[in-house]
N, C-alpha and C. Protein backbone atom coordinates (compact mmCIF):
# COMPACT_ATOMS: atom_id res chain seq x y z
N UNK A 1 -48.44 165.13 76.73
CA UNK A 1 -48.06 163.72 76.72
C UNK A 1 -49.15 162.84 76.30
N UNK A 2 -49.28 162.07 75.09
CA UNK A 2 -50.12 160.93 75.03
C UNK A 2 -50.84 159.92 75.80
N UNK A 3 -51.59 159.27 75.77
CA UNK A 3 -52.05 157.95 76.20
C UNK A 3 -51.64 157.04 75.70
N UNK A 4 -51.06 155.93 77.10
CA UNK A 4 -50.47 155.16 76.14
C UNK A 4 -50.78 154.05 75.71
N UNK A 5 -50.69 153.45 74.56
CA UNK A 5 -51.10 152.75 73.59
C UNK A 5 -50.29 151.18 73.65
N UNK A 6 -50.94 150.09 73.16
CA UNK A 6 -49.92 148.93 73.03
C UNK A 6 -50.22 148.36 71.69
N UNK A 7 -49.43 147.71 71.55
CA UNK A 7 -49.48 146.96 70.21
C UNK A 7 -50.65 146.44 69.60
N UNK A 8 -51.67 145.79 71.19
CA UNK A 8 -52.03 144.87 71.02
C UNK A 8 -53.57 145.85 70.28
N UNK A 9 -53.21 147.42 70.74
CA UNK A 9 -54.90 148.34 70.20
C UNK A 9 -54.83 148.20 68.86
N UNK A 10 -56.09 148.21 68.22
CA UNK A 10 -56.53 148.26 66.84
C UNK A 10 -56.84 149.63 66.83
N UNK A 11 -56.15 150.24 65.46
CA UNK A 11 -56.54 151.49 65.06
C UNK A 11 -57.46 151.75 64.00
N UNK A 12 -58.18 151.88 63.60
CA UNK A 12 -58.30 152.44 62.35
C UNK A 12 -58.15 154.09 62.11
N UNK A 13 -58.10 154.39 60.97
CA UNK A 13 -57.19 155.66 60.39
C UNK A 13 -58.55 156.00 59.88
N UNK A 14 -58.80 157.48 59.59
CA UNK A 14 -60.21 157.53 58.76
C UNK A 14 -59.69 159.15 58.22
N UNK A 15 -59.02 158.81 57.03
CA UNK A 15 -58.84 160.15 55.93
C UNK A 15 -59.74 161.12 55.35
N UNK A 16 -60.25 162.32 55.40
CA UNK A 16 -61.14 162.66 55.18
C UNK A 16 -60.36 163.59 54.06
N UNK A 17 -60.07 163.29 52.53
CA UNK A 17 -59.53 163.24 51.51
C UNK A 17 -59.82 165.14 51.09
N UNK A 18 -61.03 165.21 51.14
CA UNK A 18 -61.09 166.76 50.46
C UNK A 18 -60.09 167.38 51.70
N UNK A 19 -60.02 167.15 53.16
CA UNK A 19 -59.43 168.36 53.99
C UNK A 19 -57.64 167.78 53.84
N UNK A 20 -57.58 166.92 53.86
CA UNK A 20 -55.66 166.34 53.43
C UNK A 20 -55.35 166.66 52.01
N UNK A 21 -56.43 166.65 50.97
CA UNK A 21 -55.70 167.13 49.31
C UNK A 21 -55.54 169.03 49.66
N UNK A 22 -56.50 169.69 50.90
CA UNK A 22 -56.01 171.05 50.49
C UNK A 22 -54.69 171.38 51.47
N UNK A 23 -55.12 170.61 52.58
CA UNK A 23 -53.89 170.71 53.51
C UNK A 23 -51.93 170.60 52.36
N UNK A 24 -52.45 169.60 51.89
CA UNK A 24 -50.64 169.23 51.10
C UNK A 24 -50.93 170.03 50.19
N UNK A 25 -51.71 170.67 49.40
CA UNK A 25 -51.72 171.43 48.79
C UNK A 25 -51.26 173.26 48.76
N UNK A 26 -51.93 173.14 50.13
CA UNK A 26 -51.83 175.26 50.20
C UNK A 26 -50.78 174.73 51.06
N UNK A 27 -49.86 173.63 52.04
CA UNK A 27 -49.04 173.68 53.00
C UNK A 27 -47.42 173.30 52.27
N UNK A 28 -47.80 172.20 51.41
CA UNK A 28 -46.80 171.24 51.07
C UNK A 28 -46.65 171.16 49.83
N UNK A 29 -46.92 171.83 48.71
CA UNK A 29 -46.95 172.18 47.74
C UNK A 29 -47.40 171.25 46.46
N UNK A 30 -48.23 170.24 47.36
CA UNK A 30 -49.43 169.33 46.50
C UNK A 30 -48.43 168.23 46.23
N UNK A 31 -47.96 167.20 47.18
CA UNK A 31 -46.43 165.77 46.64
C UNK A 31 -47.79 165.00 46.84
N UNK A 32 -47.08 164.03 45.82
CA UNK A 32 -47.76 162.86 45.60
C UNK A 32 -47.46 161.93 46.92
N UNK A 33 -48.06 161.04 47.76
CA UNK A 33 -48.28 160.78 48.87
C UNK A 33 -48.58 159.01 48.52
N UNK A 34 -47.66 158.24 49.40
CA UNK A 34 -47.43 156.98 49.86
C UNK A 34 -48.93 156.95 51.03
N UNK A 35 -49.74 156.70 50.85
CA UNK A 35 -51.07 156.45 51.71
C UNK A 35 -50.92 155.78 53.02
N UNK A 36 -50.64 154.33 52.19
CA UNK A 36 -50.28 153.53 53.04
C UNK A 36 -49.15 153.70 54.39
N UNK A 37 -47.67 154.05 53.89
CA UNK A 37 -47.09 154.83 54.97
C UNK A 37 -47.42 155.70 55.24
N UNK A 38 -48.66 156.87 55.18
CA UNK A 38 -48.73 158.03 55.30
C UNK A 38 -49.78 157.27 57.20
N UNK A 39 -50.74 156.24 56.72
CA UNK A 39 -51.66 155.52 57.63
C UNK A 39 -50.43 155.41 58.62
N UNK A 40 -49.55 154.29 58.47
CA UNK A 40 -49.05 153.55 59.41
C UNK A 40 -48.24 154.78 60.39
N UNK A 41 -47.84 155.68 59.86
CA UNK A 41 -46.72 156.67 60.17
C UNK A 41 -47.88 157.22 61.59
N UNK A 42 -48.92 157.54 61.67
CA UNK A 42 -49.63 157.62 62.59
C UNK A 42 -50.00 156.73 64.06
N UNK A 43 -50.26 155.34 63.20
CA UNK A 43 -50.64 154.34 64.32
C UNK A 43 -49.06 153.85 65.38
N UNK A 44 -48.25 154.18 64.98
CA UNK A 44 -46.77 154.49 66.09
C UNK A 44 -47.01 153.00 66.60
N UNK A 45 -46.94 152.25 67.73
CA UNK A 45 -47.00 150.99 68.56
C UNK A 45 -48.23 150.01 68.45
N UNK A 46 -49.27 151.08 67.64
CA UNK A 46 -50.99 149.76 67.62
C UNK A 46 -50.68 149.27 66.19
N UNK A 47 -51.82 148.78 65.86
CA UNK A 47 -52.01 147.56 64.79
C UNK A 47 -53.22 148.14 63.95
N UNK A 48 -52.42 148.64 62.49
CA UNK A 48 -53.59 149.48 61.79
C UNK A 48 -54.69 148.40 61.46
N UNK A 49 -56.13 148.40 62.02
CA UNK A 49 -57.14 147.53 61.33
C UNK A 49 -57.72 147.51 60.34
N UNK A 50 -57.39 149.11 59.46
CA UNK A 50 -57.96 149.28 58.03
C UNK A 50 -57.71 151.03 58.19
N UNK A 51 -58.22 151.50 57.03
CA UNK A 51 -57.83 152.83 56.74
C UNK A 51 -58.85 153.41 55.52
N UNK A 52 -59.91 153.72 56.32
CA UNK A 52 -61.08 154.23 55.54
C UNK A 52 -60.72 155.58 54.72
N UNK A 53 -60.47 155.89 53.71
CA UNK A 53 -60.24 157.01 52.86
C UNK A 53 -61.64 157.72 51.96
N UNK A 54 -61.94 159.01 52.21
CA UNK A 54 -63.34 159.41 51.77
C UNK A 54 -63.04 160.45 50.68
N UNK A 55 -63.82 160.48 49.96
CA UNK A 55 -64.20 161.13 48.91
C UNK A 55 -64.76 161.34 47.65
N UNK A 56 -64.96 162.31 47.06
CA UNK A 56 -66.41 161.97 45.87
C UNK A 56 -64.68 162.34 44.32
N UNK A 57 -65.52 161.72 43.13
CA UNK A 57 -65.72 161.49 42.32
C UNK A 57 -65.17 162.93 41.56
N UNK A 58 -64.46 163.45 40.20
CA UNK A 58 -64.96 165.10 39.85
C UNK A 58 -66.54 165.08 39.55
N UNK A 59 -66.65 166.15 39.30
CA UNK A 59 -67.97 166.17 39.02
C UNK A 59 -68.05 166.33 37.27
N UNK A 60 -69.20 165.50 36.80
CA UNK A 60 -69.60 165.48 35.41
C UNK A 60 -70.70 165.73 34.98
N UNK A 61 -70.67 166.59 34.10
CA UNK A 61 -72.10 166.92 33.45
C UNK A 61 -72.91 166.23 32.82
N UNK A 62 -74.12 166.00 32.55
CA UNK A 62 -74.97 165.31 32.13
C UNK A 62 -74.08 164.73 30.30
N UNK A 63 -73.68 165.53 30.13
CA UNK A 63 -73.23 165.54 28.65
C UNK A 63 -71.51 165.81 28.66
N UNK A 64 -70.50 164.87 29.57
CA UNK A 64 -69.65 165.26 29.83
C UNK A 64 -68.65 165.78 28.74
N UNK A 65 -67.67 166.23 29.26
CA UNK A 65 -66.53 167.59 27.96
C UNK A 65 -65.61 166.44 28.42
N UNK A 66 -64.62 166.86 27.93
CA UNK A 66 -63.25 165.57 27.52
C UNK A 66 -62.26 165.56 28.52
N UNK A 67 -62.42 167.27 29.47
CA UNK A 67 -61.83 167.51 30.52
C UNK A 67 -62.20 166.82 31.36
N UNK A 68 -64.03 166.58 31.53
CA UNK A 68 -64.32 165.77 32.64
C UNK A 68 -63.77 164.36 32.68
N UNK A 69 -63.85 163.84 31.49
CA UNK A 69 -63.87 162.19 31.13
C UNK A 69 -62.36 161.96 31.60
N UNK A 70 -61.44 163.36 31.19
CA UNK A 70 -60.12 163.02 31.75
C UNK A 70 -59.85 162.90 33.25
N UNK A 71 -60.11 163.42 33.95
CA UNK A 71 -60.48 163.77 35.77
C UNK A 71 -60.88 162.91 35.73
N UNK A 72 -62.59 162.09 35.82
CA UNK A 72 -63.17 161.42 35.61
C UNK A 72 -62.35 159.61 35.80
N UNK A 73 -61.11 159.33 34.64
CA UNK A 73 -60.48 158.28 34.33
C UNK A 73 -59.54 158.25 35.38
N UNK A 74 -58.82 159.75 35.51
CA UNK A 74 -57.26 159.40 36.50
C UNK A 74 -57.86 159.36 37.77
N UNK A 75 -59.31 160.02 38.21
CA UNK A 75 -59.61 159.35 39.69
C UNK A 75 -59.95 158.11 39.79
N UNK A 76 -60.17 157.54 38.82
CA UNK A 76 -60.79 156.14 38.94
C UNK A 76 -59.55 155.41 38.88
N UNK A 77 -58.63 155.59 38.50
CA UNK A 77 -57.08 155.05 38.22
C UNK A 77 -56.76 155.11 39.81
N UNK A 78 -56.35 156.27 40.50
CA UNK A 78 -56.30 156.70 41.67
C UNK A 78 -56.94 155.65 42.65
N UNK A 79 -57.92 155.53 42.86
CA UNK A 79 -58.93 154.95 43.77
C UNK A 79 -59.09 153.26 43.66
N UNK A 80 -58.99 153.15 42.22
CA UNK A 80 -58.31 151.98 42.16
C UNK A 80 -57.01 151.20 42.68
N UNK A 81 -55.97 152.10 42.44
CA UNK A 81 -54.83 152.14 43.18
C UNK A 81 -54.67 151.61 44.53
N UNK A 82 -55.60 152.81 45.25
CA UNK A 82 -55.93 153.05 47.03
C UNK A 82 -56.65 150.94 47.28
N UNK A 83 -57.50 151.40 46.34
CA UNK A 83 -57.90 150.14 47.10
C UNK A 83 -57.28 148.68 47.37
N UNK A 84 -56.00 148.97 46.32
CA UNK A 84 -55.51 147.52 45.77
C UNK A 84 -54.31 147.68 47.43
N UNK A 85 -53.97 148.36 47.98
CA UNK A 85 -53.43 148.67 49.24
C UNK A 85 -54.07 147.44 50.54
N UNK A 86 -53.39 147.01 51.53
CA UNK A 86 -53.28 146.43 52.08
C UNK A 86 -54.25 147.14 52.97
N UNK A 87 -55.56 146.69 54.06
CA UNK A 87 -56.62 146.67 54.53
C UNK A 87 -57.19 148.87 54.41
N UNK A 88 -57.37 148.71 52.86
CA UNK A 88 -57.77 150.59 52.31
C UNK A 88 -59.14 149.92 52.04
N UNK A 89 -60.12 150.93 52.53
CA UNK A 89 -61.34 150.84 52.28
C UNK A 89 -61.83 152.08 51.45
N UNK A 90 -62.18 152.56 50.20
CA UNK A 90 -62.16 153.59 49.62
C UNK A 90 -63.99 154.25 49.54
N UNK A 91 -64.55 154.88 50.38
CA UNK A 91 -66.01 155.46 50.45
C UNK A 91 -66.25 156.85 49.44
N UNK A 92 -67.00 156.36 48.69
CA UNK A 92 -67.25 158.01 47.59
C UNK A 92 -68.46 158.80 47.97
N UNK A 93 -68.12 159.49 48.26
CA UNK A 93 -69.62 160.52 47.94
C UNK A 93 -69.76 160.96 46.83
N UNK A 94 -70.71 161.71 46.48
CA UNK A 94 -70.97 162.71 45.61
C UNK A 94 -70.43 163.87 45.47
N UNK A 95 -70.50 164.27 43.96
CA UNK A 95 -70.21 165.62 44.22
C UNK A 95 -70.90 166.42 43.08
N UNK A 96 -71.88 167.10 43.46
CA UNK A 96 -72.93 168.42 43.07
C UNK A 96 -72.80 169.54 42.51
N UNK A 97 -72.95 170.13 41.51
CA UNK A 97 -72.76 171.53 41.33
C UNK A 97 -73.44 172.09 41.49
N UNK A 98 -73.25 173.53 42.78
CA UNK A 98 -74.29 174.10 43.28
C UNK A 98 -74.12 175.93 42.69
N UNK A 99 -73.40 175.87 41.85
CA UNK A 99 -73.57 177.02 41.46
C UNK A 99 -72.47 177.12 39.90
N UNK A 100 -73.04 177.74 38.86
CA UNK A 100 -72.62 178.05 37.65
C UNK A 100 -71.09 179.21 37.53
N UNK A 101 -71.91 180.20 38.07
CA UNK A 101 -71.35 181.28 37.99
C UNK A 101 -70.76 182.08 39.42
N UNK A 102 -69.50 182.30 40.09
CA UNK A 102 -68.81 181.28 40.13
C UNK A 102 -68.79 179.55 39.85
N UNK A 103 -68.04 178.73 39.41
CA UNK A 103 -68.19 177.13 39.48
C UNK A 103 -67.88 177.00 41.05
N UNK A 104 -68.78 176.44 41.38
CA UNK A 104 -69.12 175.98 43.01
C UNK A 104 -69.61 174.54 42.86
N UNK A 105 -68.61 173.64 44.03
CA UNK A 105 -68.91 172.62 44.06
C UNK A 105 -69.34 172.07 45.40
N UNK A 106 -69.85 170.94 45.85
CA UNK A 106 -70.01 170.94 47.19
C UNK A 106 -70.30 169.19 47.09
N UNK A 107 -69.63 168.47 48.05
CA UNK A 107 -69.43 166.79 48.76
C UNK A 107 -70.88 166.91 49.06
N UNK A 108 -71.42 165.82 48.69
CA UNK A 108 -72.51 165.35 49.38
C UNK A 108 -72.31 163.71 50.15
N UNK A 109 -72.55 163.29 51.36
CA UNK A 109 -72.64 161.78 51.68
C UNK A 109 -71.13 161.55 52.31
N UNK A 110 -70.19 162.01 52.23
CA UNK A 110 -69.20 161.77 52.47
C UNK A 110 -68.53 162.33 54.17
N UNK A 111 -69.09 163.13 55.09
CA UNK A 111 -69.70 163.08 56.46
C UNK A 111 -69.92 162.07 57.13
N UNK A 112 -71.44 161.51 56.01
CA UNK A 112 -72.24 160.85 56.96
C UNK A 112 -71.49 159.39 57.31
N UNK A 113 -70.95 158.95 55.56
CA UNK A 113 -70.36 157.76 55.53
C UNK A 113 -69.32 157.82 56.60
N UNK A 114 -67.94 158.67 56.54
CA UNK A 114 -67.38 158.75 58.05
C UNK A 114 -67.83 158.73 59.27
N UNK A 115 -68.45 159.25 59.70
CA UNK A 115 -69.05 159.18 60.90
C UNK A 115 -69.91 157.83 60.86
N UNK A 116 -70.64 157.24 59.69
CA UNK A 116 -71.55 156.01 60.31
C UNK A 116 -70.20 155.23 60.42
N UNK A 117 -69.19 154.79 59.74
CA UNK A 117 -67.66 153.91 59.76
C UNK A 117 -67.22 154.09 61.64
N UNK A 118 -67.46 155.32 62.07
CA UNK A 118 -66.67 155.56 63.35
C UNK A 118 -67.31 155.05 64.19
N UNK A 119 -68.84 155.73 64.26
CA UNK A 119 -69.56 154.81 65.50
C UNK A 119 -69.79 153.69 65.04
N UNK A 120 -69.78 152.64 64.13
CA UNK A 120 -70.16 151.23 63.89
C UNK A 120 -69.03 150.41 64.44
N UNK A 121 -67.63 151.07 63.80
CA UNK A 121 -66.41 150.04 64.61
C UNK A 121 -66.41 150.64 65.89
N UNK A 122 -66.23 151.68 66.51
CA UNK A 122 -66.53 151.96 67.94
C UNK A 122 -67.18 150.78 68.74
N UNK A 123 -68.86 150.85 68.28
CA UNK A 123 -69.60 150.04 69.28
C UNK A 123 -69.09 149.01 69.72
N UNK A 124 -69.12 148.37 67.65
CA UNK A 124 -68.97 146.98 67.83
C UNK A 124 -67.19 146.68 68.36
N UNK A 125 -66.85 147.72 69.12
CA UNK A 125 -65.84 146.91 69.87
C UNK A 125 -64.51 146.88 68.48
N UNK A 126 -64.57 147.11 67.33
CA UNK A 126 -63.54 146.71 66.67
C UNK A 126 -62.37 147.25 66.45
N UNK A 127 -62.45 148.28 67.11
CA UNK A 127 -61.26 149.06 67.17
C UNK A 127 -60.89 149.62 68.41
N UNK A 128 -60.07 150.03 68.84
CA UNK A 128 -59.40 150.35 70.34
C UNK A 128 -59.33 152.16 70.19
N UNK A 129 -58.88 152.92 69.05
CA UNK A 129 -58.33 153.70 68.88
C UNK A 129 -59.11 154.24 67.05
N UNK A 130 -59.56 155.35 67.35
CA UNK A 130 -60.03 156.06 66.06
C UNK A 130 -58.56 157.78 65.50
N UNK A 131 -58.25 157.13 64.49
CA UNK A 131 -57.28 158.43 63.85
C UNK A 131 -57.79 158.77 63.23
N UNK A 132 -58.49 160.05 63.15
CA UNK A 132 -58.99 161.14 61.99
C UNK A 132 -58.14 162.30 61.32
N UNK A 133 -58.23 162.35 60.28
CA UNK A 133 -57.29 163.32 59.31
C UNK A 133 -58.60 164.10 58.63
N UNK A 134 -58.93 165.21 59.59
CA UNK A 134 -60.11 166.00 58.91
C UNK A 134 -59.88 167.39 60.05
N UNK A 135 -60.61 168.53 59.68
CA UNK A 135 -60.56 169.82 60.24
C UNK A 135 -62.29 169.97 60.94
N UNK A 136 -63.05 169.12 60.16
CA UNK A 136 -64.54 169.75 60.21
C UNK A 136 -65.10 169.22 61.81
N UNK A 137 -65.80 170.40 61.64
CA UNK A 137 -66.78 169.81 63.34
C UNK A 137 -67.99 169.01 62.81
N UNK A 138 -68.29 168.57 62.28
CA UNK A 138 -69.62 168.43 61.68
C UNK A 138 -69.40 166.78 62.43
N UNK A 139 -67.96 166.49 62.73
CA UNK A 139 -67.98 164.88 63.63
C UNK A 139 -68.15 164.77 64.39
N UNK A 140 -68.25 166.19 65.10
CA UNK A 140 -68.40 165.96 66.49
C UNK A 140 -68.90 165.02 66.98
N UNK A 141 -70.38 164.87 66.68
CA UNK A 141 -71.46 163.86 67.58
C UNK A 141 -70.85 162.86 67.40
N UNK A 142 -70.50 162.04 65.97
CA UNK A 142 -69.61 160.86 65.91
C UNK A 142 -68.60 160.56 66.72
N UNK A 143 -67.98 161.76 66.87
CA UNK A 143 -66.46 161.76 67.89
C UNK A 143 -67.03 161.30 69.54
N UNK A 144 -67.99 161.99 69.82
CA UNK A 144 -68.00 162.26 71.49
C UNK A 144 -69.27 160.63 71.55
N UNK A 145 -70.01 160.24 70.23
CA UNK A 145 -70.68 158.59 70.80
C UNK A 145 -69.48 157.30 70.62
N UNK A 146 -68.45 157.53 69.83
CA UNK A 146 -67.19 156.56 69.60
C UNK A 146 -66.15 156.59 71.27
N UNK A 147 -66.50 157.77 71.64
CA UNK A 147 -66.04 158.36 73.35
C UNK A 147 -66.60 157.55 73.69
N UNK A 148 -68.08 157.43 73.79
CA UNK A 148 -68.81 156.87 74.55
C UNK A 148 -68.89 155.39 75.13
N UNK A 149 -67.95 155.14 73.65
CA UNK A 149 -67.94 153.71 73.54
C UNK A 149 -66.66 153.12 73.96
N UNK A 150 -66.09 154.06 74.25
CA UNK A 150 -64.86 154.44 75.13
C UNK A 150 -63.43 154.18 74.55
N UNK A 151 -63.83 154.08 72.72
CA UNK A 151 -62.34 154.61 72.25
C UNK A 151 -62.11 155.90 72.07
N UNK A 152 -60.26 155.94 71.79
CA UNK A 152 -59.68 157.07 72.30
C UNK A 152 -59.37 157.40 70.67
N UNK A 153 -59.50 158.63 70.57
CA UNK A 153 -59.83 159.52 69.37
C UNK A 153 -58.33 160.73 69.14
N UNK A 154 -58.46 160.13 67.97
CA UNK A 154 -56.72 161.09 67.86
C UNK A 154 -57.13 161.78 66.51
N UNK A 155 -57.09 163.09 66.50
CA UNK A 155 -57.16 163.73 65.68
C UNK A 155 -55.44 164.45 65.36
N UNK A 156 -55.76 163.88 63.61
CA UNK A 156 -54.37 164.53 62.95
C UNK A 156 -54.49 165.62 61.76
N UNK A 157 -53.54 166.89 62.05
CA UNK A 157 -54.63 168.19 61.71
C UNK A 157 -53.17 169.03 61.45
N UNK A 158 -53.71 169.83 60.44
CA UNK A 158 -52.69 170.78 59.74
C UNK A 158 -52.38 172.04 61.22
N UNK A 159 -51.68 172.28 60.67
CA UNK A 159 -50.80 173.69 61.64
C UNK A 159 -51.53 174.83 61.25
N UNK A 160 -51.68 175.06 59.98
CA UNK A 160 -51.85 176.01 59.08
C UNK A 160 -53.22 176.03 58.45
N UNK A 161 -53.66 175.25 57.91
CA UNK A 161 -54.86 174.94 57.90
C UNK A 161 -56.14 174.95 58.82
N UNK A 162 -57.06 175.82 59.03
CA UNK A 162 -58.35 175.59 60.10
C UNK A 162 -58.74 174.79 60.12
N UNK A 163 -58.44 174.59 61.29
CA UNK A 163 -59.20 173.43 62.45
C UNK A 163 -60.12 173.73 63.02
N UNK A 164 -61.27 173.53 63.53
CA UNK A 164 -62.20 173.78 64.06
C UNK A 164 -61.95 174.10 65.42
N UNK A 165 -62.09 174.54 66.18
CA UNK A 165 -61.34 174.53 68.11
C UNK A 165 -62.52 173.79 68.51
N UNK A 166 -63.93 173.19 68.51
CA UNK A 166 -64.36 172.08 68.48
C UNK A 166 -64.16 170.95 68.24
N UNK A 167 -63.68 170.69 67.21
CA UNK A 167 -62.92 169.43 66.75
C UNK A 167 -61.55 168.97 67.64
N UNK A 168 -60.87 170.58 67.38
CA UNK A 168 -59.70 170.14 68.50
C UNK A 168 -60.00 170.00 69.63
N UNK A 169 -61.06 170.38 70.38
CA UNK A 169 -60.99 169.96 71.77
C UNK A 169 -62.02 168.66 72.13
N UNK A 170 -62.59 168.06 71.33
CA UNK A 170 -63.63 167.08 71.12
C UNK A 170 -62.78 165.68 71.05
N UNK A 171 -61.48 165.71 70.21
CA UNK A 171 -60.48 165.00 70.26
C UNK A 171 -59.25 164.54 71.37
N UNK A 172 -59.29 162.93 71.97
CA UNK A 172 -58.30 163.21 72.98
C UNK A 172 -56.76 163.38 72.83
N UNK A 173 -56.50 163.29 71.76
CA UNK A 173 -55.11 163.57 71.46
C UNK A 173 -54.98 164.30 70.02
N UNK A 174 -53.47 164.95 70.00
CA UNK A 174 -54.29 165.74 68.73
C UNK A 174 -52.56 165.23 67.85
N UNK A 175 -52.30 165.35 66.98
CA UNK A 175 -50.99 165.69 66.19
C UNK A 175 -50.57 166.11 64.93
N UNK A 176 -49.93 167.00 64.56
CA UNK A 176 -50.29 167.74 63.37
C UNK A 176 -49.52 167.30 62.28
N UNK A 177 -49.93 167.54 61.54
CA UNK A 177 -49.08 167.02 60.39
C UNK A 177 -48.05 167.89 59.63
N UNK A 178 -46.55 167.09 60.30
CA UNK A 178 -45.53 168.05 60.18
C UNK A 178 -44.80 168.25 58.82
N UNK A 179 -43.93 169.31 58.40
CA UNK A 179 -43.32 169.03 56.79
C UNK A 179 -42.39 167.71 57.17
N UNK A 180 -42.07 167.33 57.93
CA UNK A 180 -40.93 166.12 58.32
C UNK A 180 -41.70 164.35 58.07
N UNK A 181 -43.14 164.50 58.46
CA UNK A 181 -44.02 163.78 58.11
C UNK A 181 -44.44 163.25 57.03
N UNK A 182 -44.46 164.47 56.02
CA UNK A 182 -45.01 164.46 54.64
C UNK A 182 -43.89 164.24 53.87
N UNK A 183 -42.66 164.57 54.05
CA UNK A 183 -41.60 164.21 53.30
C UNK A 183 -41.60 162.69 53.14
N UNK A 184 -41.40 162.40 54.42
CA UNK A 184 -40.81 160.88 54.53
C UNK A 184 -42.29 159.89 54.18
N UNK A 185 -43.43 160.82 53.62
CA UNK A 185 -44.44 159.69 52.78
C UNK A 185 -44.81 159.95 51.57
N UNK A 186 -43.64 161.23 50.82
CA UNK A 186 -44.01 161.56 49.92
C UNK A 186 -43.52 160.30 48.65
N UNK A 187 -43.71 160.54 47.55
CA UNK A 187 -43.45 159.28 46.77
C UNK A 187 -42.30 159.89 46.08
């Protein structure tokens, strides 16, 4: 049973899009999503203060290929449209290439951006609840600091995609990203 919430509670939604994109692709066939509807669905009876959306622009080499330029252009249009949504903030880390064969990339700065926002909003008492869409245990120190400030932490997670057991235990409430939810928020 979840903790009681009221319409007076302010909620911030923190979406780790690297995680969410993997969940949507592997479990639901990569549907196009209405991210405003998706955010609101988790807020239930609370007021959504803001949604923070974290990701990286696609990798671009020093001499960008046509494919790289096309991916950057698509990503810019996507983030532009997200920023136009009410109470949405897009926070971009950077993507670095870690290996050429096979090609591997790593996000830099995304976890720190999310952690700083979570702790800042918690300790300033701007929010009463935080909803995290992630599976990464790197957020546990920020979650604990936010709980110490009196914030209720909710985890929205995949049932099929790996979620850290420590992350699962660190949060006050847990909600699966269900097929019904995804279908109700698909475009």
